[in-house]
């Protein structure tokens, strides 16, 4: 399973948040760290995913929506 970055972006957009706002809520000074994660350039850490999900209104019990199965 991998993190579904399209779902992460869709949830952020649905909440009306920009990448700048999301980065600020994550505690980062600029948009860059968030943008790199949302675009798959930098891997999202487990703690980061939990915090992102919380910002988007999801509890740790609902993290599964941010994953997709890799089918070979």
PDB file of N, CA and C in Angstrom:
ATOM      1  N   UNK A   1       0.840  -1.176   0.000  1.00  0.00           N
ATOM      2  CA  UNK A   1       0.000   0.000   0.000  1.00  0.00           C
ATOM      3  C   UNK A   1       0.889   1.245   0.000  1.00  0.00           C
ATOM      4  N   UNK A   2       0.409   2.262  -0.663  1.00  0.00           N
ATOM      5  CA  UNK A   2       1.112   3.539  -0.697  1.00  0.00           C
ATOM      6  C   UNK A   2       0.129   4.655  -0.379  1.00  0.00           C
ATOM      7  N   UNK A   3       0.674   5.789  -0.005  1.00  0.00           N
ATOM      8  CA  UNK A   3      -0.179   6.944   0.262  1.00  0.00           C
ATOM      9  C   UNK A   3      -0.740   7.448  -1.059  1.00  0.00           C
ATOM     10  N   UNK A   4      -2.026   7.682  -1.080  1.00  0.00           N
ATOM     11  CA  UNK A   4      -2.720   8.181  -2.262  1.00  0.00           C
ATOM     12  C   UNK A   4      -2.625   9.709  -2.259  1.00  0.00           C
ATOM     13  N   UNK A   5      -1.624  10.220  -2.956  1.00  0.00           N
ATOM     14  CA  UNK A   5      -1.380  11.657  -2.968  1.00  0.00           C
ATOM     15  C   UNK A   5      -2.509  12.433  -3.641  1.00  0.00           C
ATOM     16  N   UNK A   6      -3.164  11.815  -4.608  1.00  0.00           N
ATOM     17  CA  UNK A   6      -4.312  12.476  -5.251  1.00  0.00           C
ATOM     18  C   UNK A   6      -5.449  12.653  -4.250  1.00  0.00           C
ATOM     19  N   UNK A   7      -5.649  11.670  -3.394  1.00  0.00           N
ATOM     20  CA  UNK A   7      -6.694  11.764  -2.367  1.00  0.00           C
ATOM     21  C   UNK A   7      -6.342  12.838  -1.354  1.00  0.00           C
ATOM     22  N   UNK A   8      -5.070  12.893  -0.972  1.00  0.00           N
ATOM     23  CA  UNK A   8      -4.619  13.922  -0.039  1.00  0.00           C
ATOM     24  C   UNK A   8      -4.902  15.310  -0.612  1.00  0.00           C
ATOM     25  N   UNK A   9      -4.556  15.512  -1.870  1.00  0.00           N
ATOM     26  CA  UNK A   9      -4.804  16.805  -2.517  1.00  0.00           C
ATOM     27  C   UNK A   9      -6.297  17.083  -2.611  1.00  0.00           C
ATOM     28  N   UNK A  10      -7.071  16.086  -2.997  1.00  0.00           N
ATOM     29  CA  UNK A  10      -8.524  16.257  -3.132  1.00  0.00           C
ATOM     30  C   UNK A  10      -9.161  16.651  -1.802  1.00  0.00           C
ATOM     31  N   UNK A  11      -8.726  16.031  -0.724  1.00  0.00           N
ATOM     32  CA  UNK A  11      -9.267  16.359   0.601  1.00  0.00           C
ATOM     33  C   UNK A  11      -8.883  17.783   1.003  1.00  0.00           C
ATOM     34  N   UNK A  12      -7.646  18.167   0.691  1.00  0.00           N
ATOM     35  CA  UNK A  12      -7.200  19.531   1.001  1.00  0.00           C
ATOM     36  C   UNK A  12      -8.032  20.554   0.233  1.00  0.00           C
ATOM     37  N   UNK A  13      -8.213  20.321  -1.051  1.00  0.00           N
ATOM     38  CA  UNK A  13      -8.994  21.229  -1.894  1.00  0.00           C
ATOM     39  C   UNK A  13     -10.446  21.271  -1.426  1.00  0.00           C
ATOM     40  N   UNK A  14     -11.000  20.114  -1.083  1.00  0.00           N
ATOM     41  CA  UNK A  14     -12.387  20.047  -0.611  1.00  0.00           C
ATOM     42  C   UNK A  14     -12.584  20.856   0.669  1.00  0.00           C
ATOM     43  N   UNK A  15     -11.545  20.938   1.486  1.00  0.00           N
ATOM     44  CA  UNK A  15     -11.623  21.727   2.726  1.00  0.00           C
ATOM     45  C   UNK A  15     -11.357  23.206   2.463  1.00  0.00           C
ATOM     46  N   UNK A  16     -11.041  23.542   1.216  1.00  0.00           N
ATOM     47  CA  UNK A  16     -10.803  24.936   0.865  1.00  0.00           C
ATOM     48  C   UNK A  16      -9.453  25.463   1.321  1.00  0.00           C
ATOM     49  N   UNK A  17      -8.493  24.566   1.488  1.00  0.00           N
ATOM     50  CA  UNK A  17      -7.165  24.973   1.943  1.00  0.00           C
ATOM     51  C   UNK A  17      -6.170  25.009   0.783  1.00  0.00           C
ATOM     52  N   UNK A  18      -5.326  26.028   0.774  1.00  0.00           N
ATOM     53  CA  UNK A  18      -4.239  26.092  -0.199  1.00  0.00           C
ATOM     54  C   UNK A  18      -3.049  25.333   0.362  1.00  0.00           C
ATOM     55  N   UNK A  19      -2.058  25.089  -0.483  1.00  0.00           N
ATOM     56  CA  UNK A  19      -0.830  24.459   0.006  1.00  0.00           C
ATOM     57  C   UNK A  19      -0.156  25.363   1.035  1.00  0.00           C
ATOM     58  N   UNK A  20      -0.216  26.666   0.841  1.00  0.00           N
ATOM     59  CA  UNK A  20       0.365  27.607   1.805  1.00  0.00           C
ATOM     60  C   UNK A  20      -0.300  27.467   3.172  1.00  0.00           C
ATOM     61  N   UNK A  21      -1.620  27.387   3.179  1.00  0.00           N
ATOM     62  CA  UNK A  21      -2.354  27.263   4.440  1.00  0.00           C
ATOM     63  C   UNK A  21      -2.052  25.930   5.116  1.00  0.00           C
ATOM     64  N   UNK A  22      -2.000  24.880   4.325  1.00  0.00           N
ATOM     65  CA  UNK A  22      -1.712  23.552   4.877  1.00  0.00           C
ATOM     66  C   UNK A  22      -0.310  23.535   5.493  1.00  0.00           C
ATOM     67  N   UNK A  23       0.648  24.118   4.795  1.00  0.00           N
ATOM     68  CA  UNK A  23       2.013  24.174   5.316  1.00  0.00           C
ATOM     69  C   UNK A  23       2.055  24.942   6.633  1.00  0.00           C
ATOM     70  N   UNK A  24       1.343  26.055   6.701  1.00  0.00           N
ATOM     71  CA  UNK A  24       1.307  26.848   7.930  1.00  0.00           C
ATOM     72  C   UNK A  24       0.707  26.040   9.079  1.00  0.00           C
ATOM     73  N   UNK A  25      -0.374  25.310   8.797  1.00  0.00           N
ATOM     74  CA  UNK A  25      -1.013  24.486   9.826  1.00  0.00           C
ATOM     75  C   UNK A  25      -0.110  23.328  10.277  1.00  0.00           C
ATOM     76  N   UNK A  26       0.761  22.900   9.374  1.00  0.00           N
ATOM     77  CA  UNK A  26       1.727  21.842   9.711  1.00  0.00           C
ATOM     78  C   UNK A  26       2.886  22.395  10.527  1.00  0.00           C
ATOM     79  N   UNK A  27       3.005  23.722  10.583  1.00  0.00           N
ATOM     80  CA  UNK A  27       4.088  24.337  11.339  1.00  0.00           C
ATOM     81  C   UNK A  27       5.308  24.682  10.511  1.00  0.00           C
ATOM     82  N   UNK A  28       5.168  24.625   9.189  1.00  0.00           N
ATOM     83  CA  UNK A  28       6.280  24.960   8.307  1.00  0.00           C
ATOM     84  C   UNK A  28       6.193  26.426   7.909  1.00  0.00           C
ATOM     85  N   UNK A  29       7.345  27.060   7.691  1.00  0.00           N
ATOM     86  CA  UNK A  29       7.404  28.484   7.386  1.00  0.00           C
ATOM     87  C   UNK A  29       7.048  28.809   5.940  1.00  0.00           C
ATOM     88  N   UNK A  30       7.219  27.841   5.044  1.00  0.00           N
ATOM     89  CA  UNK A  30       6.916  28.057   3.627  1.00  0.00           C
ATOM     90  C   UNK A  30       6.073  26.903   3.092  1.00  0.00           C
ATOM     91  N   UNK A  31       5.567  27.066   1.893  1.00  0.00           N
ATOM     92  CA  UNK A  31       4.748  26.059   1.224  1.00  0.00           C
ATOM     93  C   UNK A  31       5.583  24.866   0.748  1.00  0.00           C
ATOM     94  N   UNK A  32       6.855  25.089   0.499  1.00  0.00           N
ATOM     95  CA  UNK A  32       7.710  24.092  -0.141  1.00  0.00           C
ATOM     96  C   UNK A  32       7.698  22.711   0.515  1.00  0.00           C
ATOM     97  N   UNK A  33       7.883  22.599   1.840  1.00  0.00           N
ATOM     98  CA  UNK A  33       7.885  21.249   2.426  1.00  0.00           C
ATOM     99  C   UNK A  33       6.574  20.496   2.186  1.00  0.00           C
ATOM    100  N   UNK A  34       5.455  21.210   2.268  1.00  0.00           N
ATOM    101  CA  UNK A  34       4.180  20.541   2.028  1.00  0.00           C
ATOM    102  C   UNK A  34       4.039  20.164   0.553  1.00  0.00           C
ATOM    103  N   UNK A  35       4.357  21.103  -0.334  1.00  0.00           N
ATOM    104  CA  UNK A  35       4.221  20.852  -1.770  1.00  0.00           C
ATOM    105  C   UNK A  35       5.065  19.652  -2.202  1.00  0.00           C
ATOM    106  N   UNK A  36       6.267  19.539  -1.662  1.00  0.00           N
ATOM    107  CA  UNK A  36       7.133  18.415  -2.022  1.00  0.00           C
ATOM    108  C   UNK A  36       6.523  17.085  -1.588  1.00  0.00           C
ATOM    109  N   UNK A  37       5.840  17.081  -0.472  1.00  0.00           N
ATOM    110  CA  UNK A  37       5.203  15.853  -0.006  1.00  0.00           C
ATOM    111  C   UNK A  37       3.956  15.542  -0.824  1.00  0.00           C
ATOM    112  N   UNK A  38       3.135  16.540  -1.077  1.00  0.00           N
ATOM    113  CA  UNK A  38       1.914  16.310  -1.844  1.00  0.00           C
ATOM    114  C   UNK A  38       2.216  15.881  -3.284  1.00  0.00           C
ATOM    115  N   UNK A  39       3.351  16.330  -3.809  1.00  0.00           N
ATOM    116  CA  UNK A  39       3.733  15.981  -5.173  1.00  0.00           C
ATOM    117  C   UNK A  39       4.615  14.744  -5.255  1.00  0.00           C
ATOM    118  N   UNK A  40       4.875  14.088  -4.126  1.00  0.00           N
ATOM    119  CA  UNK A  40       5.613  12.829  -4.133  1.00  0.00           C
ATOM    120  C   UNK A  40       7.115  12.973  -4.240  1.00  0.00           C
ATOM    121  N   UNK A  41       7.633  14.178  -4.078  1.00  0.00           N
ATOM    122  CA  UNK A  41       9.077  14.391  -4.160  1.00  0.00           C
ATOM    123  C   UNK A  41       9.752  13.953  -2.865  1.00  0.00           C
ATOM    124  N   UNK A  42       9.084  14.189  -1.748  1.00  0.00           N
ATOM    125  CA  UNK A  42       9.574  13.789  -0.425  1.00  0.00           C
ATOM    126  C   UNK A  42       8.526  12.863   0.195  1.00  0.00           C
ATOM    127  N   UNK A  43       8.985  11.781   0.798  1.00  0.00           N
ATOM    128  CA  UNK A  43       8.061  10.836   1.442  1.00  0.00           C
ATOM    129  C   UNK A  43       7.394  11.485   2.658  1.00  0.00           C
ATOM    130  N   UNK A  44       6.141  11.129   2.878  1.00  0.00           N
ATOM    131  CA  UNK A  44       5.397  11.622   4.033  1.00  0.00           C
ATOM    132  C   UNK A  44       5.633  10.671   5.190  1.00  0.00           C
ATOM    133  N   UNK A  45       6.107  11.214   6.297  1.00  0.00           N
ATOM    134  CA  UNK A  45       6.335  10.409   7.494  1.00  0.00           C
ATOM    135  C   UNK A  45       5.009  10.060   8.162  1.00  0.00           C
ATOM    136  N   UNK A  46       5.035   9.031   8.982  1.00  0.00           N
ATOM    137  CA  UNK A  46       3.817   8.584   9.664  1.00  0.00           C
ATOM    138  C   UNK A  46       3.224   9.692  10.527  1.00  0.00           C
ATOM    139  N   UNK A  47       4.050  10.374  11.302  1.00  0.00           N
ATOM    140  CA  UNK A  47       3.555  11.455  12.144  1.00  0.00           C
ATOM    141  C   UNK A  47       2.999  12.606  11.323  1.00  0.00           C
ATOM    142  N   UNK A  48       3.636  12.868  10.191  1.00  0.00           N
ATOM    143  CA  UNK A  48       3.146  13.925   9.299  1.00  0.00           C
ATOM    144  C   UNK A  48       1.775  13.570   8.741  1.00  0.00           C
ATOM    145  N   UNK A  49       1.604  12.314   8.341  1.00  0.00           N
ATOM    146  CA  UNK A  49       0.315  11.893   7.800  1.00  0.00           C
ATOM    147  C   UNK A  49      -0.785  12.017   8.845  1.00  0.00           C
ATOM    148  N   UNK A  50      -0.477  11.630  10.073  1.00  0.00           N
ATOM    149  CA  UNK A  50      -1.464  11.746  11.149  1.00  0.00           C
ATOM    150  C   UNK A  50      -1.856  13.207  11.335  1.00  0.00           C
ATOM    151  N   UNK A  51      -0.874  14.101  11.317  1.00  0.00           N
ATOM    152  CA  UNK A  51      -1.157  15.534  11.501  1.00  0.00           C
ATOM    153  C   UNK A  51      -1.949  16.088  10.324  1.00  0.00           C
ATOM    154  N   UNK A  52      -1.577  15.710   9.101  1.00  0.00           N
ATOM    155  CA  UNK A  52      -2.305  16.169   7.911  1.00  0.00           C
ATOM    156  C   UNK A  52      -3.760  15.706   7.970  1.00  0.00           C
ATOM    157  N   UNK A  53      -3.953  14.441   8.319  1.00  0.00           N
ATOM    158  CA  UNK A  53      -5.306  13.892   8.416  1.00  0.00           C
ATOM    159  C   UNK A  53      -6.122  14.648   9.462  1.00  0.00           C
ATOM    160  N   UNK A  54      -5.496  14.948  10.585  1.00  0.00           N
ATOM    161  CA  UNK A  54      -6.175  15.693  11.644  1.00  0.00           C
ATOM    162  C   UNK A  54      -6.591  17.079  11.149  1.00  0.00           C
ATOM    163  N   UNK A  55      -5.711  17.749  10.457  1.00  0.00           N
ATOM    164  CA  UNK A  55      -6.025  19.068   9.896  1.00  0.00           C
ATOM    165  C   UNK A  55      -7.212  18.964   8.940  1.00  0.00           C
ATOM    166  N   UNK A  56      -7.274  17.871   8.204  1.00  0.00           N
ATOM    167  CA  UNK A  56      -8.346  17.674   7.228  1.00  0.00           C
ATOM    168  C   UNK A  56      -9.615  17.095   7.858  1.00  0.00           C
ATOM    169  N   UNK A  57      -9.582  16.870   9.164  1.00  0.00           N
ATOM    170  CA  UNK A  57     -10.774  16.426   9.875  1.00  0.00           C
ATOM    171  C   UNK A  57     -10.934  14.931  10.023  1.00  0.00           C
ATOM    172  N   UNK A  58      -9.841  14.186   9.879  1.00  0.00           N
ATOM    173  CA  UNK A  58      -9.897  12.728   9.989  1.00  0.00           C
ATOM    174  C   UNK A  58      -9.129  12.264  11.217  1.00  0.00           C
ATOM    175  N   UNK A  59      -9.693  11.308  11.928  1.00  0.00           N
ATOM    176  CA  UNK A  59      -9.025  10.750  13.096  1.00  0.00           C
ATOM    177  C   UNK A  59      -8.039   9.675  12.645  1.00  0.00           C
ATOM    178  N   UNK A  60      -7.125   9.277  13.522  1.00  0.00           N
ATOM    179  CA  UNK A  60      -6.190   8.204  13.167  1.00  0.00           C
ATOM    180  C   UNK A  60      -6.901   6.916  12.739  1.00  0.00           C
ATOM    181  N   UNK A  61      -8.108   6.694  13.232  1.00  0.00           N
ATOM    182  CA  UNK A  61      -8.867   5.499  12.843  1.00  0.00           C
ATOM    183  C   UNK A  61      -9.287   5.526  11.376  1.00  0.00           C
ATOM    184  N   UNK A  62      -9.275   6.706  10.763  1.00  0.00           N
ATOM    185  CA  UNK A  62      -9.726   6.848   9.378  1.00  0.00           C
ATOM    186  C   UNK A  62      -8.590   7.045   8.381  1.00  0.00           C
ATOM    187  N   UNK A  63      -7.360   6.788   8.784  1.00  0.00           N
ATOM    188  CA  UNK A  63      -6.211   7.022   7.898  1.00  0.00           C
ATOM    189  C   UNK A  63      -6.245   6.155   6.647  1.00  0.00           C
ATOM    190  N   UNK A  64      -6.946   5.062   6.683  1.00  0.00           N
ATOM    191  CA  UNK A  64      -6.971   4.135   5.544  1.00  0.00           C
ATOM    192  C   UNK A  64      -7.434   4.816   4.259  1.00  0.00           C
ATOM    193  N   UNK A  65      -8.230   5.870   4.364  1.00  0.00           N
ATOM    194  CA  UNK A  65      -8.698   6.544   3.145  1.00  0.00           C
ATOM    195  C   UNK A  65      -7.564   7.210   2.386  1.00  0.00           C
ATOM    196  N   UNK A  66      -6.427   7.405   3.047  1.00  0.00           N
ATOM    197  CA  UNK A  66      -5.284   8.042   2.400  1.00  0.00           C
ATOM    198  C   UNK A  66      -4.307   7.031   1.795  1.00  0.00           C
ATOM    199  N   UNK A  67      -4.712   5.765   1.734  1.00  0.00           N
ATOM    200  CA  UNK A  67      -3.869   4.736   1.157  1.00  0.00           C
ATOM    201  C   UNK A  67      -4.545   4.089  -0.040  1.00  0.00           C
ATOM    202  N   UNK A  68      -3.718   3.590  -0.953  1.00  0.00           N
ATOM    203  CA  UNK A  68      -4.243   2.821  -2.082  1.00  0.00           C
ATOM    204  C   UNK A  68      -3.429   1.540  -2.201  1.00  0.00           C
ATOM    205  N   UNK A  69      -4.092   0.516  -2.670  1.00  0.00           N
ATOM    206  CA  UNK A  69      -3.426  -0.769  -2.849  1.00  0.00           C
ATOM    207  C   UNK A  69      -2.655  -0.765  -4.158  1.00  0.00           C
ATOM    208  N   UNK A  70      -1.459  -1.307  -4.112  1.00  0.00           N
ATOM    209  CA  UNK A  70      -0.659  -1.470  -5.316  1.00  0.00           C
ATOM    210  C   UNK A  70      -0.987  -2.829  -5.916  1.00  0.00           C
ATOM    211  N   UNK A  71      -1.505  -2.811  -7.115  1.00  0.00           N
ATOM    212  CA  UNK A  71      -1.860  -4.064  -7.793  1.00  0.00           C
ATOM    213  C   UNK A  71      -0.866  -4.285  -8.920  1.00  0.00           C
ATOM    214  N   UNK A  72      -0.250  -5.451  -8.892  1.00  0.00           N
ATOM    215  CA  UNK A  72       0.734  -5.783  -9.927  1.00  0.00           C
ATOM    216  C   UNK A  72       0.136  -6.621 -11.006  1.00  0.00           C
TER     217      UNK A  72
END
